[in-house]
Structure formats: C-alpha cells, structure tokens
N, C-alpha and C. Protein backbone atom coordinates (compact mmCIF):
# COMPACT_ATOMS: atom_id res chain seq x y z
N MET A 1 -105.22 -72.04 73.67
CA MET A 1 -105.23 -71.17 74.81
C MET A 1 -103.94 -71.33 75.61
N ARG A 2 -103.48 -72.58 75.80
CA ARG A 2 -102.23 -72.81 76.53
C ARG A 2 -101.05 -72.19 75.79
N SER A 3 -101.07 -72.28 74.49
CA SER A 3 -99.94 -71.73 73.73
C SER A 3 -99.92 -70.20 73.84
N LEU A 4 -101.09 -69.57 73.91
CA LEU A 4 -101.16 -68.12 74.06
C LEU A 4 -100.62 -67.71 75.44
N LEU A 5 -100.98 -68.48 76.46
CA LEU A 5 -100.51 -68.21 77.81
C LEU A 5 -99.00 -68.42 77.90
N LEU A 6 -98.50 -69.46 77.29
CA LEU A 6 -97.07 -69.76 77.27
C LEU A 6 -96.31 -68.68 76.52
N MET A 7 -96.85 -68.24 75.39
CA MET A 7 -96.23 -67.19 74.60
C MET A 7 -96.15 -65.88 75.39
N SER A 8 -97.23 -65.54 76.14
CA SER A 8 -97.25 -64.33 76.95
C SER A 8 -96.19 -64.39 78.03
N ALA A 9 -96.02 -65.53 78.66
CA ALA A 9 -95.02 -65.70 79.71
C ALA A 9 -93.61 -65.53 79.14
N ILE A 10 -93.36 -66.08 77.94
CA ILE A 10 -92.03 -65.96 77.32
C ILE A 10 -91.74 -64.50 76.98
N VAL A 11 -92.73 -63.79 76.47
CA VAL A 11 -92.54 -62.38 76.12
C VAL A 11 -92.25 -61.57 77.38
N ALA A 12 -92.96 -61.83 78.48
CA ALA A 12 -92.75 -61.11 79.72
C ALA A 12 -91.37 -61.36 80.29
N VAL A 13 -90.90 -62.61 80.27
CA VAL A 13 -89.58 -62.95 80.79
C VAL A 13 -88.51 -62.30 79.93
N THR A 14 -88.69 -62.32 78.64
CA THR A 14 -87.71 -61.72 77.73
C THR A 14 -87.64 -60.21 77.95
N ALA A 15 -88.77 -59.56 78.14
CA ALA A 15 -88.80 -58.12 78.33
C ALA A 15 -88.16 -57.72 79.65
N CYS A 16 -88.25 -58.56 80.66
CA CYS A 16 -87.71 -58.24 81.97
C CYS A 16 -86.31 -58.77 82.18
N SER A 17 -85.73 -59.39 81.21
CA SER A 17 -84.39 -59.95 81.39
C SER A 17 -83.37 -58.84 81.53
N ASP A 18 -82.27 -59.15 82.17
CA ASP A 18 -81.22 -58.18 82.41
C ASP A 18 -80.20 -58.26 81.29
N SER A 19 -80.56 -57.77 80.13
CA SER A 19 -79.68 -57.86 78.98
C SER A 19 -78.71 -56.69 78.91
N GLY A 20 -78.85 -55.69 79.84
CA GLY A 20 -77.96 -54.55 79.83
C GLY A 20 -78.47 -53.41 78.96
N GLN A 21 -79.50 -53.65 78.17
CA GLN A 21 -80.05 -52.59 77.34
C GLN A 21 -81.04 -51.79 78.17
N THR A 22 -80.99 -50.49 77.99
CA THR A 22 -81.90 -49.63 78.74
C THR A 22 -83.20 -49.43 77.98
N THR A 23 -84.24 -49.23 78.71
CA THR A 23 -85.53 -48.94 78.09
C THR A 23 -85.87 -47.47 78.27
N THR A 24 -84.90 -46.68 78.79
CA THR A 24 -85.10 -45.25 78.98
C THR A 24 -85.04 -44.55 77.63
N PRO A 25 -85.90 -43.58 77.40
CA PRO A 25 -85.82 -42.84 76.15
C PRO A 25 -84.45 -42.18 75.98
N ALA A 26 -84.03 -41.98 74.77
CA ALA A 26 -82.68 -41.50 74.46
C ALA A 26 -82.37 -40.15 75.11
N GLY A 27 -83.32 -39.23 75.21
CA GLY A 27 -83.05 -37.91 75.72
C GLY A 27 -83.18 -37.78 77.24
N ALA A 28 -83.59 -38.81 77.94
CA ALA A 28 -83.84 -38.71 79.38
C ALA A 28 -82.53 -38.71 80.15
N SER A 29 -82.51 -37.95 81.26
CA SER A 29 -81.31 -37.93 82.09
C SER A 29 -81.39 -39.04 83.13
N HIS A 30 -80.23 -39.42 83.62
CA HIS A 30 -80.14 -40.49 84.61
C HIS A 30 -80.12 -39.88 86.01
N THR A 31 -80.95 -40.36 86.89
CA THR A 31 -80.97 -39.92 88.28
C THR A 31 -80.21 -40.95 89.10
N PRO A 32 -79.14 -40.51 89.80
CA PRO A 32 -78.37 -41.47 90.58
C PRO A 32 -79.20 -42.03 91.73
N SER A 33 -78.89 -43.24 92.11
CA SER A 33 -79.61 -43.86 93.23
C SER A 33 -79.05 -43.33 94.54
N LEU A 34 -79.77 -43.59 95.63
CA LEU A 34 -79.31 -43.15 96.93
C LEU A 34 -78.03 -43.86 97.35
N ASP A 35 -77.77 -45.02 96.76
CA ASP A 35 -76.55 -45.76 97.08
C ASP A 35 -75.31 -44.99 96.65
N GLN A 36 -75.45 -44.09 95.68
CA GLN A 36 -74.30 -43.38 95.13
C GLN A 36 -74.05 -42.04 95.80
N ALA A 37 -74.87 -41.64 96.76
CA ALA A 37 -74.69 -40.36 97.45
C ALA A 37 -73.44 -40.44 98.32
N PRO A 38 -72.67 -39.34 98.40
CA PRO A 38 -71.46 -39.37 99.24
C PRO A 38 -71.84 -39.46 100.71
N PRO A 39 -71.03 -40.14 101.50
CA PRO A 39 -71.34 -40.28 102.93
C PRO A 39 -71.17 -38.93 103.64
N PRO A 40 -71.94 -38.69 104.74
CA PRO A 40 -71.79 -37.44 105.47
C PRO A 40 -70.41 -37.35 106.11
N VAL A 41 -69.89 -36.14 106.25
CA VAL A 41 -68.57 -35.92 106.81
C VAL A 41 -68.72 -35.33 108.20
N GLY A 42 -68.17 -35.97 109.20
CA GLY A 42 -68.21 -35.46 110.57
C GLY A 42 -69.62 -35.25 111.07
N LYS A 43 -69.81 -34.20 111.88
CA LYS A 43 -71.12 -33.90 112.44
C LYS A 43 -71.75 -32.69 111.75
N ALA A 44 -71.21 -32.28 110.63
CA ALA A 44 -71.74 -31.12 109.92
C ALA A 44 -73.08 -31.45 109.28
N LYS A 45 -73.88 -30.39 109.04
CA LYS A 45 -75.14 -30.57 108.33
C LYS A 45 -74.83 -30.94 106.88
N PRO A 46 -75.65 -31.77 106.27
CA PRO A 46 -75.46 -32.06 104.86
C PRO A 46 -75.57 -30.77 104.04
N VAL A 47 -74.82 -30.69 102.95
CA VAL A 47 -74.81 -29.48 102.14
C VAL A 47 -76.17 -29.14 101.56
N ASP A 48 -76.98 -30.12 101.30
CA ASP A 48 -78.27 -29.87 100.70
C ASP A 48 -79.36 -29.68 101.75
N GLN A 49 -78.99 -29.64 103.04
CA GLN A 49 -79.98 -29.50 104.11
C GLN A 49 -80.49 -28.08 104.18
N ILE A 50 -81.80 -27.93 104.27
CA ILE A 50 -82.42 -26.63 104.42
C ILE A 50 -83.20 -26.65 105.72
N GLY A 51 -83.03 -25.64 106.55
CA GLY A 51 -83.79 -25.55 107.78
C GLY A 51 -82.98 -25.88 109.01
N PHE A 52 -83.68 -26.04 110.13
CA PHE A 52 -83.06 -26.28 111.41
C PHE A 52 -82.97 -27.77 111.69
N THR A 53 -81.99 -28.14 112.50
CA THR A 53 -81.84 -29.56 112.85
C THR A 53 -82.00 -29.81 114.34
N LYS A 54 -81.98 -28.73 115.16
CA LYS A 54 -82.04 -28.92 116.61
C LYS A 54 -82.87 -27.80 117.22
N THR A 55 -83.73 -28.14 118.18
CA THR A 55 -84.51 -27.12 118.89
C THR A 55 -84.32 -27.27 120.39
N GLN A 56 -84.51 -26.17 121.11
CA GLN A 56 -84.46 -26.20 122.56
C GLN A 56 -85.39 -25.12 123.08
N VAL A 57 -85.78 -25.23 124.35
CA VAL A 57 -86.69 -24.27 124.96
C VAL A 57 -85.95 -23.52 126.05
N ALA A 58 -85.99 -22.17 125.96
CA ALA A 58 -85.42 -21.31 127.01
C ALA A 58 -86.59 -20.81 127.86
N VAL A 59 -86.42 -20.77 129.18
CA VAL A 59 -87.53 -20.46 130.09
C VAL A 59 -87.13 -19.37 131.08
N SER A 60 -88.10 -18.53 131.44
CA SER A 60 -87.91 -17.50 132.47
C SER A 60 -89.18 -17.40 133.30
N TRP A 61 -89.03 -17.20 134.62
CA TRP A 61 -90.18 -17.06 135.54
C TRP A 61 -90.13 -15.69 136.19
N ILE A 62 -91.30 -15.07 136.40
CA ILE A 62 -91.41 -13.86 137.21
C ILE A 62 -92.65 -13.98 138.09
N THR A 63 -92.65 -13.26 139.20
CA THR A 63 -93.83 -13.18 140.05
C THR A 63 -94.36 -11.76 139.94
N ILE A 64 -95.67 -11.64 139.73
CA ILE A 64 -96.31 -10.34 139.59
C ILE A 64 -97.31 -10.20 140.73
N GLY A 65 -97.13 -9.15 141.50
CA GLY A 65 -98.00 -8.92 142.65
C GLY A 65 -99.38 -8.44 142.25
N MET A 66 -100.29 -8.55 143.19
CA MET A 66 -101.66 -8.11 142.98
C MET A 66 -101.66 -6.62 142.63
N GLY A 67 -102.39 -6.25 141.57
CA GLY A 67 -102.50 -4.85 141.16
C GLY A 67 -101.33 -4.33 140.34
N ALA A 68 -100.42 -5.21 139.92
CA ALA A 68 -99.22 -4.76 139.21
C ALA A 68 -99.26 -5.13 137.73
N PHE A 69 -98.40 -4.45 136.97
CA PHE A 69 -98.18 -4.76 135.56
C PHE A 69 -96.70 -5.05 135.42
N ASP A 70 -96.35 -6.10 134.69
CA ASP A 70 -94.93 -6.42 134.49
C ASP A 70 -94.76 -7.18 133.19
N GLU A 71 -93.54 -7.22 132.74
CA GLU A 71 -93.24 -8.00 131.53
C GLU A 71 -91.93 -8.74 131.72
N THR A 72 -91.79 -9.79 130.97
CA THR A 72 -90.58 -10.61 131.02
C THR A 72 -90.15 -10.96 129.61
N THR A 73 -88.85 -11.05 129.42
CA THR A 73 -88.30 -11.45 128.14
C THR A 73 -87.33 -12.59 128.37
N VAL A 74 -87.46 -13.62 127.59
CA VAL A 74 -86.52 -14.74 127.67
C VAL A 74 -85.78 -14.78 126.34
N GLY A 75 -84.46 -14.88 126.42
CA GLY A 75 -83.63 -14.89 125.22
C GLY A 75 -83.19 -16.29 124.83
N CYS A 76 -82.83 -16.42 123.57
CA CYS A 76 -82.28 -17.70 123.08
C CYS A 76 -80.77 -17.68 123.21
N PRO A 77 -80.16 -18.84 123.39
CA PRO A 77 -78.70 -18.91 123.47
C PRO A 77 -78.04 -18.46 122.16
N ALA A 78 -76.80 -18.03 122.25
CA ALA A 78 -76.05 -17.61 121.06
C ALA A 78 -76.02 -18.74 120.03
N GLY A 79 -76.15 -18.37 118.78
CA GLY A 79 -76.11 -19.35 117.71
C GLY A 79 -77.45 -19.99 117.40
N THR A 80 -78.51 -19.56 118.10
CA THR A 80 -79.84 -20.09 117.83
C THR A 80 -80.76 -18.97 117.35
N THR A 81 -81.90 -19.34 116.80
CA THR A 81 -82.88 -18.40 116.27
C THR A 81 -84.23 -18.66 116.94
N VAL A 82 -84.92 -17.59 117.31
CA VAL A 82 -86.25 -17.72 117.90
C VAL A 82 -87.23 -18.12 116.80
N VAL A 83 -87.96 -19.21 117.01
CA VAL A 83 -88.96 -19.66 116.03
C VAL A 83 -90.37 -19.68 116.64
N GLY A 84 -90.48 -19.34 117.93
CA GLY A 84 -91.79 -19.31 118.57
C GLY A 84 -91.63 -19.08 120.06
N GLY A 85 -92.74 -19.01 120.74
CA GLY A 85 -92.69 -18.80 122.18
C GLY A 85 -94.09 -18.76 122.77
N GLY A 86 -94.15 -18.49 124.06
CA GLY A 86 -95.45 -18.44 124.71
C GLY A 86 -95.31 -18.19 126.19
N PHE A 87 -96.36 -18.49 126.94
CA PHE A 87 -96.37 -18.22 128.37
C PHE A 87 -97.30 -19.20 129.08
N GLN A 88 -97.16 -19.22 130.40
CA GLN A 88 -98.05 -19.99 131.26
C GLN A 88 -98.21 -19.19 132.54
N VAL A 89 -99.46 -18.98 132.98
CA VAL A 89 -99.73 -18.28 134.23
C VAL A 89 -100.07 -19.33 135.28
N VAL A 90 -99.38 -19.25 136.42
CA VAL A 90 -99.59 -20.24 137.48
C VAL A 90 -100.13 -19.52 138.72
N LYS A 91 -101.27 -19.96 139.18
CA LYS A 91 -101.89 -19.42 140.40
C LYS A 91 -102.81 -20.49 140.94
N ALA A 92 -102.78 -20.70 142.23
CA ALA A 92 -103.64 -21.72 142.85
C ALA A 92 -105.11 -21.37 142.65
N ALA A 93 -105.49 -20.13 142.92
CA ALA A 93 -106.90 -19.72 142.75
C ALA A 93 -106.94 -18.21 142.63
N TRP A 94 -107.79 -17.70 141.80
CA TRP A 94 -108.00 -16.27 141.68
C TRP A 94 -109.44 -16.00 141.30
N ALA A 95 -109.90 -14.84 141.70
CA ALA A 95 -111.26 -14.47 141.33
C ALA A 95 -111.27 -13.84 139.94
N SER A 96 -110.19 -13.12 139.60
CA SER A 96 -110.08 -12.50 138.28
C SER A 96 -108.74 -12.87 137.66
N PRO A 97 -108.74 -13.52 136.53
CA PRO A 97 -107.47 -13.89 135.88
C PRO A 97 -106.76 -12.65 135.34
N PRO A 98 -105.44 -12.71 135.17
CA PRO A 98 -104.70 -11.57 134.64
C PRO A 98 -105.02 -11.33 133.16
N PHE A 99 -104.69 -10.14 132.70
CA PHE A 99 -104.86 -9.79 131.29
C PHE A 99 -103.48 -9.84 130.63
N ILE A 100 -103.36 -10.64 129.57
CA ILE A 100 -102.09 -10.74 128.85
C ILE A 100 -102.08 -9.66 127.76
N HIS A 101 -101.19 -8.70 127.89
CA HIS A 101 -101.11 -7.62 126.90
C HIS A 101 -100.45 -8.09 125.61
N ARG A 102 -99.40 -8.86 125.75
CA ARG A 102 -98.72 -9.35 124.55
C ARG A 102 -97.89 -10.59 124.88
N SER A 103 -97.79 -11.42 123.89
CA SER A 103 -96.90 -12.58 123.89
C SER A 103 -96.37 -12.62 122.47
N GLN A 104 -95.15 -12.15 122.29
CA GLN A 104 -94.64 -11.91 120.93
C GLN A 104 -93.12 -12.01 120.89
N PRO A 105 -92.56 -12.08 119.68
CA PRO A 105 -91.10 -12.04 119.56
C PRO A 105 -90.57 -10.72 120.13
N HIS A 106 -89.44 -10.76 120.80
CA HIS A 106 -88.80 -9.56 121.33
C HIS A 106 -87.86 -9.02 120.26
N VAL A 107 -88.13 -7.80 119.82
CA VAL A 107 -87.36 -7.20 118.74
C VAL A 107 -86.48 -6.09 119.31
N ILE A 108 -85.19 -6.11 118.96
CA ILE A 108 -84.27 -5.07 119.38
C ILE A 108 -83.90 -4.22 118.16
N ALA A 109 -83.02 -3.27 118.33
CA ALA A 109 -82.63 -2.35 117.26
C ALA A 109 -82.27 -3.10 115.97
N GLY A 110 -82.70 -2.56 114.86
CA GLY A 110 -82.40 -3.17 113.57
C GLY A 110 -83.31 -4.33 113.23
N ASN A 111 -84.46 -4.40 113.91
CA ASN A 111 -85.43 -5.48 113.67
C ASN A 111 -84.85 -6.86 113.88
N ILE A 112 -83.98 -7.00 114.85
CA ILE A 112 -83.39 -8.29 115.18
C ILE A 112 -84.21 -8.92 116.30
N VAL A 113 -84.65 -10.14 116.11
CA VAL A 113 -85.42 -10.86 117.12
C VAL A 113 -84.44 -11.66 117.98
N ASP A 114 -84.46 -11.38 119.30
CA ASP A 114 -83.50 -12.06 120.17
C ASP A 114 -84.15 -12.88 121.28
N GLY A 115 -85.48 -12.98 121.29
CA GLY A 115 -86.13 -13.75 122.33
C GLY A 115 -87.64 -13.62 122.24
N TRP A 116 -88.32 -13.95 123.35
CA TRP A 116 -89.78 -13.89 123.41
C TRP A 116 -90.18 -13.01 124.59
N GLN A 117 -91.17 -12.15 124.39
CA GLN A 117 -91.60 -11.19 125.40
C GLN A 117 -93.06 -11.42 125.77
N VAL A 118 -93.34 -11.36 127.07
CA VAL A 118 -94.70 -11.51 127.58
C VAL A 118 -94.96 -10.36 128.54
N ALA A 119 -96.08 -9.65 128.35
CA ALA A 119 -96.47 -8.56 129.23
C ALA A 119 -97.81 -8.89 129.85
N VAL A 120 -97.90 -8.73 131.19
CA VAL A 120 -99.08 -9.16 131.94
C VAL A 120 -99.58 -8.04 132.86
N ASP A 121 -100.89 -7.80 132.83
CA ASP A 121 -101.55 -6.84 133.71
C ASP A 121 -102.30 -7.63 134.77
N ASN A 122 -101.85 -7.50 136.01
CA ASN A 122 -102.47 -8.25 137.11
C ASN A 122 -103.27 -7.31 138.02
N SER A 123 -103.88 -6.28 137.41
CA SER A 123 -104.60 -5.29 138.23
C SER A 123 -106.12 -5.48 138.16
N GLN A 124 -106.58 -6.62 137.77
CA GLN A 124 -108.02 -6.88 137.74
C GLN A 124 -108.56 -6.93 139.16
N PRO A 125 -109.82 -6.58 139.34
CA PRO A 125 -110.41 -6.66 140.68
C PRO A 125 -110.30 -8.10 141.23
N ASN A 126 -110.03 -8.21 142.49
CA ASN A 126 -109.93 -9.51 143.17
C ASN A 126 -108.78 -10.38 142.64
N SER A 127 -107.72 -9.75 142.12
CA SER A 127 -106.58 -10.54 141.65
C SER A 127 -105.70 -10.91 142.83
N GLY A 128 -104.78 -11.80 142.59
CA GLY A 128 -103.82 -12.20 143.61
C GLY A 128 -102.45 -12.31 142.97
N ASP A 129 -101.41 -12.56 143.77
CA ASP A 129 -100.07 -12.74 143.22
C ASP A 129 -100.07 -13.92 142.25
N ILE A 130 -99.33 -13.76 141.17
CA ILE A 130 -99.25 -14.82 140.17
C ILE A 130 -97.79 -15.03 139.76
N SER A 131 -97.50 -16.20 139.25
CA SER A 131 -96.21 -16.50 138.64
C SER A 131 -96.45 -16.70 137.15
N VAL A 132 -95.56 -16.10 136.35
CA VAL A 132 -95.70 -16.21 134.89
C VAL A 132 -94.42 -16.81 134.35
N GLN A 133 -94.59 -17.86 133.58
CA GLN A 133 -93.45 -18.49 132.89
C GLN A 133 -93.52 -18.07 131.44
N SER A 134 -92.44 -17.50 130.94
CA SER A 134 -92.37 -17.21 129.51
C SER A 134 -91.32 -18.16 128.93
N TYR A 135 -91.55 -18.57 127.70
CA TYR A 135 -90.60 -19.48 127.07
C TYR A 135 -90.40 -19.12 125.61
N ALA A 136 -89.21 -19.40 125.12
CA ALA A 136 -88.87 -19.17 123.73
C ALA A 136 -88.43 -20.50 123.14
N LEU A 137 -88.92 -20.80 121.96
CA LEU A 137 -88.50 -21.99 121.23
C LEU A 137 -87.36 -21.55 120.32
N CYS A 138 -86.19 -22.10 120.55
CA CYS A 138 -84.98 -21.70 119.84
C CYS A 138 -84.50 -22.84 118.96
N ALA A 139 -84.07 -22.50 117.76
CA ALA A 139 -83.64 -23.53 116.82
C ALA A 139 -82.27 -23.18 116.24
N SER A 140 -81.53 -24.22 115.88
CA SER A 140 -80.23 -24.02 115.22
C SER A 140 -80.05 -25.09 114.16
C-alpha cells in the first residue's frame, strides 16, 4: 500500500513538473495572458471598450401654478447621450396630486434625442402650486 501511494506521488510530481513541454492539444490556439496586454495610452478609452464610461445628471426646475398645465425639458451637455430621465414633484401638501402626462426622451427633428421631457397637468380640483424637477441621465 505504501509503495502504491509513493508511486502515485511520483507520477503526480512528474506530470506537474515544469519540463517546458505543453500539454495543450496540437491544434489549439494560445490565449495570451493579461500580463501581455499593452498598457493604456493617456486618458483615452481602451480600443476594445464598448459602452459608456462616465455618467452625469442634468437637472431643471419649474413652478406650475394651481390650475395650469406646463412642461419642461432638460438637455444633456454636448458630447453626451441621454440614457434615461425622470421627474420629482415637490409640494408641502395638496388635496389632489398633479397628473403627469409624460416623462420621456425629448426628440427633435430627425429622431434625435437631446434631453428628457416632463409634462404636468396641475388642474385637478383642490390643487396648489407645485415645483417639478426634471432630470436627464447623460452618459459619455
């Protein structure tokens, strides 16, 4: 039994030795390790990078009086793309909350999205003045 255990250990050590011979099949390709990847240059995005690397939030506020309808659009800075948006209604107290008609990407001529648009109807019975914050999530 000891000799079988000793023989198994010798076979394992021999198989794992660093003799320089590869155990990869002859037709397999070699995948370089991460150590061999070229270093990044400057502050540019890596060539193989897909997607956005930076996000920011653009914000706009409007006040809508009792009984009024209004909309607001917030745009993203140049060089960024709108990837989302939304709104927040701020009021200390109201008997009837406002009706949000839309909260959507703002589309201009040629189907170009340049910001986020929010439309609010504040004409519900017993409404009061409200402040609406619209925001756009912009990425580059």
